[in-house]
Amino acid sequence: MLRGYKKGQTTLEYIVLIIIVLGALLAIQHYLKRGLQGRWKSALDDMGDQYDPRVANSSVRYTLVHGTNTSIITMNDAGGYWTQKTDESVSTERKQGTVEVGAY
């Protein structure tokens, strides 16, 4: 009869121990959660700012190069003369600066 009592006492001790451990975990869950959230925030802040197209500041470099080559040749015709015209032009347009889009 004493052995059954000892077995029940051991089971009861384990149940009480599990309840105490669960109670302790429930009591500190708020602190664990805040610590984890703090680590996540710190890790994401180290990654840098997130891109937002509504508040973007951009550096612009624009270069347009345009070339034209025009040749006019007139053949010898019935009174005979030659006309030859060659026109070459190259133009370069450059723009450089910044574009700022306002905040929302």
N, C-alpha and C. Protein backbone atom coordinates (compact mmCIF):
# COMPACT_ATOMS: atom_id res chain seq x y z
N MET A 1 0.80 -1.16 0.00
CA MET A 1 0.00 0.00 0.00
C MET A 1 0.87 1.27 0.00
N LEU A 2 1.97 1.20 0.61
CA LEU A 2 2.87 2.34 0.67
C LEU A 2 3.51 2.61 -0.70
N ARG A 3 3.71 1.53 -1.48
CA ARG A 3 4.32 1.72 -2.80
C ARG A 3 3.40 2.51 -3.73
N GLY A 4 2.13 2.27 -3.75
CA GLY A 4 1.18 3.00 -4.57
C GLY A 4 1.12 4.47 -4.17
N TYR A 5 1.24 4.72 -2.87
CA TYR A 5 1.25 6.08 -2.37
C TYR A 5 2.50 6.82 -2.85
N LYS A 6 3.64 6.13 -2.85
CA LYS A 6 4.91 6.72 -3.29
C LYS A 6 4.85 7.04 -4.78
N LYS A 7 4.24 6.14 -5.56
CA LYS A 7 4.12 6.32 -7.00
C LYS A 7 3.22 7.53 -7.30
N GLY A 8 2.13 7.66 -6.60
CA GLY A 8 1.23 8.79 -6.78
C GLY A 8 1.88 10.10 -6.36
N GLN A 9 2.68 10.06 -5.32
CA GLN A 9 3.38 11.25 -4.86
C GLN A 9 4.39 11.70 -5.91
N THR A 10 5.11 10.78 -6.52
CA THR A 10 6.09 11.12 -7.56
C THR A 10 5.39 11.73 -8.77
N THR A 11 4.27 11.15 -9.18
CA THR A 11 3.52 11.70 -10.32
C THR A 11 3.02 13.10 -10.00
N LEU A 12 2.53 13.30 -8.80
CA LEU A 12 2.05 14.60 -8.39
C LEU A 12 3.19 15.63 -8.36
N GLU A 13 4.36 15.21 -7.95
CA GLU A 13 5.52 16.11 -7.93
C GLU A 13 5.90 16.53 -9.35
N TYR A 14 5.85 15.59 -10.30
CA TYR A 14 6.16 15.93 -11.69
C TYR A 14 5.13 16.90 -12.27
N ILE A 15 3.87 16.69 -11.95
CA ILE A 15 2.82 17.58 -12.44
C ILE A 15 3.00 18.98 -11.87
N VAL A 16 3.31 19.06 -10.58
CA VAL A 16 3.54 20.37 -9.96
C VAL A 16 4.76 21.04 -10.57
N LEU A 17 5.81 20.29 -10.84
CA LEU A 17 7.02 20.84 -11.46
C LEU A 17 6.71 21.37 -12.86
N ILE A 18 5.94 20.62 -13.64
CA ILE A 18 5.57 21.06 -14.99
C ILE A 18 4.73 22.33 -14.92
N ILE A 19 3.80 22.40 -13.97
CA ILE A 19 2.95 23.59 -13.81
C ILE A 19 3.81 24.80 -13.44
N ILE A 20 4.80 24.62 -12.57
CA ILE A 20 5.68 25.73 -12.18
C ILE A 20 6.50 26.21 -13.37
N VAL A 21 7.03 25.28 -14.17
CA VAL A 21 7.83 25.65 -15.35
C VAL A 21 6.97 26.39 -16.36
N LEU A 22 5.73 25.87 -16.62
CA LEU A 22 4.83 26.55 -17.55
C LEU A 22 4.44 27.93 -17.04
N GLY A 23 4.20 28.04 -15.75
CA GLY A 23 3.87 29.35 -15.17
C GLY A 23 5.01 30.34 -15.33
N ALA A 24 6.25 29.86 -15.12
CA ALA A 24 7.41 30.74 -15.28
C ALA A 24 7.55 31.19 -16.73
N LEU A 25 7.33 30.27 -17.69
CA LEU A 25 7.42 30.63 -19.10
C LEU A 25 6.32 31.63 -19.48
N LEU A 26 5.13 31.45 -18.97
CA LEU A 26 4.05 32.39 -19.24
C LEU A 26 4.35 33.77 -18.63
N ALA A 27 4.99 33.78 -17.49
CA ALA A 27 5.31 35.04 -16.82
C ALA A 27 6.38 35.83 -17.58
N ILE A 28 7.32 35.16 -18.20
CA ILE A 28 8.41 35.88 -18.88
C ILE A 28 8.21 35.97 -20.39
N GLN A 29 7.08 35.49 -20.92
CA GLN A 29 6.89 35.51 -22.36
C GLN A 29 6.89 36.93 -22.91
N HIS A 30 6.39 37.88 -22.16
CA HIS A 30 6.37 39.27 -22.60
C HIS A 30 7.81 39.79 -22.80
N TYR A 31 8.68 39.48 -21.88
CA TYR A 31 10.07 39.94 -21.97
C TYR A 31 10.82 39.24 -23.10
N LEU A 32 10.55 37.95 -23.28
CA LEU A 32 11.18 37.23 -24.39
C LEU A 32 10.72 37.77 -25.73
N LYS A 33 9.43 38.06 -25.84
CA LYS A 33 8.88 38.58 -27.08
C LYS A 33 9.47 39.96 -27.40
N ARG A 34 9.56 40.82 -26.41
CA ARG A 34 10.13 42.15 -26.64
C ARG A 34 11.60 42.07 -27.02
N GLY A 35 12.34 41.16 -26.40
CA GLY A 35 13.74 40.98 -26.76
C GLY A 35 13.91 40.51 -28.19
N LEU A 36 13.07 39.58 -28.60
CA LEU A 36 13.12 39.07 -29.97
C LEU A 36 12.74 40.17 -30.97
N GLN A 37 11.71 40.94 -30.66
CA GLN A 37 11.32 42.03 -31.54
C GLN A 37 12.42 43.09 -31.64
N GLY A 38 13.10 43.35 -30.53
CA GLY A 38 14.21 44.30 -30.56
C GLY A 38 15.35 43.84 -31.45
N ARG A 39 15.65 42.55 -31.41
CA ARG A 39 16.70 42.02 -32.28
C ARG A 39 16.31 42.11 -33.75
N TRP A 40 15.05 41.81 -34.05
CA TRP A 40 14.58 41.91 -35.44
C TRP A 40 14.65 43.36 -35.92
N LYS A 41 14.22 44.30 -35.09
CA LYS A 41 14.25 45.71 -35.48
C LYS A 41 15.68 46.18 -35.71
N SER A 42 16.59 45.78 -34.85
CA SER A 42 17.98 46.15 -35.00
C SER A 42 18.56 45.58 -36.29
N ALA A 43 18.24 44.34 -36.59
CA ALA A 43 18.74 43.72 -37.82
C ALA A 43 18.20 44.41 -39.06
N LEU A 44 16.93 44.78 -39.04
CA LEU A 44 16.33 45.45 -40.19
C LEU A 44 16.83 46.89 -40.32
N ASP A 45 17.09 47.56 -39.22
CA ASP A 45 17.64 48.91 -39.29
C ASP A 45 19.04 48.91 -39.87
N ASP A 46 19.80 47.86 -39.63
CA ASP A 46 21.14 47.76 -40.18
C ASP A 46 21.12 47.56 -41.69
N MET A 47 20.00 47.08 -42.23
CA MET A 47 19.89 46.87 -43.68
C MET A 47 19.75 48.18 -44.43
N GLY A 48 19.29 49.23 -43.80
CA GLY A 48 19.15 50.52 -44.45
C GLY A 48 17.69 50.89 -44.66
N ASP A 49 17.51 52.06 -45.27
CA ASP A 49 16.16 52.56 -45.51
C ASP A 49 15.50 51.79 -46.64
N GLN A 50 14.21 51.67 -46.54
CA GLN A 50 13.44 51.01 -47.58
C GLN A 50 13.15 52.02 -48.68
N TYR A 51 13.17 51.55 -49.93
CA TYR A 51 12.92 52.42 -51.07
C TYR A 51 11.44 52.79 -51.14
N ASP A 52 11.16 54.06 -51.27
CA ASP A 52 9.80 54.55 -51.42
C ASP A 52 9.78 55.46 -52.63
N PRO A 53 9.11 55.08 -53.72
CA PRO A 53 9.13 55.90 -54.93
C PRO A 53 8.46 57.26 -54.77
N ARG A 54 7.62 57.42 -53.75
CA ARG A 54 6.96 58.72 -53.55
C ARG A 54 7.88 59.73 -52.90
N VAL A 55 8.97 59.28 -52.29
CA VAL A 55 9.91 60.17 -51.63
C VAL A 55 11.32 59.80 -52.07
N ALA A 56 11.56 59.85 -53.37
CA ALA A 56 12.85 59.42 -53.91
C ALA A 56 13.67 60.62 -54.34
N ASN A 57 14.93 60.63 -54.00
CA ASN A 57 15.88 61.61 -54.49
C ASN A 57 16.83 60.87 -55.40
N SER A 58 16.89 61.28 -56.66
CA SER A 58 17.67 60.55 -57.65
C SER A 58 18.69 61.47 -58.29
N SER A 59 19.82 60.89 -58.63
CA SER A 59 20.84 61.59 -59.38
C SER A 59 20.64 61.26 -60.85
N VAL A 60 20.66 62.30 -61.70
CA VAL A 60 20.37 62.13 -63.12
C VAL A 60 21.59 62.52 -63.94
N ARG A 61 21.94 61.65 -64.87
CA ARG A 61 22.99 61.97 -65.84
C ARG A 61 22.44 61.57 -67.20
N TYR A 62 22.32 62.54 -68.10
CA TYR A 62 21.68 62.34 -69.38
C TYR A 62 22.63 62.82 -70.46
N THR A 63 22.93 61.97 -71.43
CA THR A 63 23.80 62.34 -72.53
C THR A 63 23.17 61.89 -73.83
N LEU A 64 23.02 62.82 -74.78
CA LEU A 64 22.48 62.51 -76.10
C LEU A 64 23.51 62.92 -77.13
N VAL A 65 23.96 61.98 -77.94
CA VAL A 65 24.91 62.26 -79.01
C VAL A 65 24.18 61.99 -80.32
N HIS A 66 24.18 63.00 -81.19
CA HIS A 66 23.45 62.90 -82.45
C HIS A 66 24.39 63.26 -83.58
N GLY A 67 24.48 62.40 -84.55
CA GLY A 67 25.36 62.66 -85.70
C GLY A 67 24.58 62.60 -86.99
N THR A 68 24.88 63.52 -87.92
CA THR A 68 24.21 63.57 -89.21
C THR A 68 25.26 63.67 -90.30
N ASN A 69 25.07 62.90 -91.35
CA ASN A 69 25.95 62.96 -92.51
C ASN A 69 25.06 63.07 -93.75
N THR A 70 25.12 64.19 -94.46
CA THR A 70 24.28 64.44 -95.63
C THR A 70 25.18 64.65 -96.83
N SER A 71 24.91 63.92 -97.89
CA SER A 71 25.66 64.10 -99.15
C SER A 71 24.67 64.33 -100.28
N ILE A 72 24.90 65.34 -101.13
CA ILE A 72 24.09 65.62 -102.31
C ILE A 72 25.02 65.59 -103.52
N ILE A 73 24.72 64.76 -104.46
CA ILE A 73 25.53 64.65 -105.68
C ILE A 73 24.59 64.82 -106.87
N THR A 74 24.89 65.75 -107.77
CA THR A 74 24.13 65.94 -109.00
C THR A 74 25.00 65.47 -110.16
N MET A 75 24.42 64.65 -110.99
CA MET A 75 25.18 64.05 -112.10
C MET A 75 25.26 65.02 -113.28
N ASN A 76 26.15 64.72 -114.18
CA ASN A 76 26.31 65.49 -115.42
C ASN A 76 25.10 65.20 -116.30
N ASP A 77 24.35 66.27 -116.64
CA ASP A 77 23.13 66.08 -117.42
C ASP A 77 23.06 67.13 -118.51
N ALA A 78 22.83 66.77 -119.64
CA ALA A 78 22.58 67.54 -120.87
C ALA A 78 23.22 68.92 -120.96
N GLY A 79 23.74 69.54 -120.24
CA GLY A 79 24.50 70.78 -120.33
C GLY A 79 25.72 70.63 -119.49
N GLY A 80 25.70 69.65 -118.71
CA GLY A 80 26.77 69.13 -117.93
C GLY A 80 27.31 69.97 -116.80
N TYR A 81 26.99 69.63 -115.63
CA TYR A 81 27.64 70.17 -114.45
C TYR A 81 27.53 69.16 -113.31
N TRP A 82 28.44 69.28 -112.39
CA TRP A 82 28.49 68.43 -111.19
C TRP A 82 28.20 69.28 -109.98
N THR A 83 27.38 68.75 -109.08
CA THR A 83 27.15 69.41 -107.80
C THR A 83 27.40 68.37 -106.70
N GLN A 84 28.23 68.74 -105.79
CA GLN A 84 28.51 67.82 -104.68
C GLN A 84 28.49 68.62 -103.38
N LYS A 85 27.69 68.15 -102.45
CA LYS A 85 27.62 68.81 -101.15
C LYS A 85 27.73 67.73 -100.08
N THR A 86 28.59 67.91 -99.13
CA THR A 86 28.75 67.00 -98.01
C THR A 86 28.60 67.81 -96.72
N ASP A 87 27.69 67.35 -95.90
CA ASP A 87 27.43 68.06 -94.63
C ASP A 87 27.54 67.04 -93.51
N GLU A 88 28.42 67.29 -92.59
CA GLU A 88 28.55 66.43 -91.41
C GLU A 88 28.37 67.27 -90.16
N SER A 89 27.53 66.79 -89.28
CA SER A 89 27.34 67.50 -88.01
C SER A 89 27.22 66.49 -86.88
N VAL A 90 27.81 66.83 -85.77
CA VAL A 90 27.74 66.01 -84.57
C VAL A 90 27.36 66.94 -83.43
N SER A 91 26.30 66.59 -82.71
CA SER A 91 25.90 67.41 -81.57
C SER A 91 25.82 66.54 -80.33
N THR A 92 26.21 67.12 -79.23
CA THR A 92 26.18 66.42 -77.95
C THR A 92 25.42 67.28 -76.95
N GLU A 93 24.46 66.67 -76.28
CA GLU A 93 23.67 67.37 -75.27
C GLU A 93 23.82 66.60 -73.96
N ARG A 94 24.21 67.31 -72.92
CA ARG A 94 24.40 66.67 -71.62
C ARG A 94 23.59 67.40 -70.56
N LYS A 95 22.95 66.62 -69.71
CA LYS A 95 22.24 67.18 -68.57
C LYS A 95 22.64 66.39 -67.34
N GLN A 96 22.85 67.10 -66.28
CA GLN A 96 23.27 66.45 -65.04
C GLN A 96 22.63 67.19 -63.88
N GLY A 97 22.15 66.44 -62.89
CA GLY A 97 21.55 67.08 -61.74
C GLY A 97 20.83 66.07 -60.86
N THR A 98 19.88 66.58 -60.09
CA THR A 98 19.12 65.72 -59.19
C THR A 98 17.63 65.95 -59.41
N VAL A 99 16.88 64.93 -59.09
CA VAL A 99 15.43 65.00 -59.14
C VAL A 99 14.93 64.63 -57.75
N GLU A 100 14.10 65.52 -57.18
CA GLU A 100 13.56 65.27 -55.85
C GLU A 100 12.03 65.19 -55.95
N VAL A 101 11.49 64.14 -55.39
CA VAL A 101 10.04 63.97 -55.36
C VAL A 101 9.59 64.25 -53.94
N GLY A 102 8.57 65.04 -53.79
CA GLY A 102 8.13 65.47 -52.47
C GLY A 102 7.53 64.37 -51.62
N ALA A 103 7.45 64.63 -50.35
CA ALA A 103 6.91 63.65 -49.39
C ALA A 103 5.40 63.63 -49.48
N TYR A 104 4.81 62.57 -48.97
CA TYR A 104 3.35 62.44 -48.98
C TYR A 104 2.74 62.91 -47.71
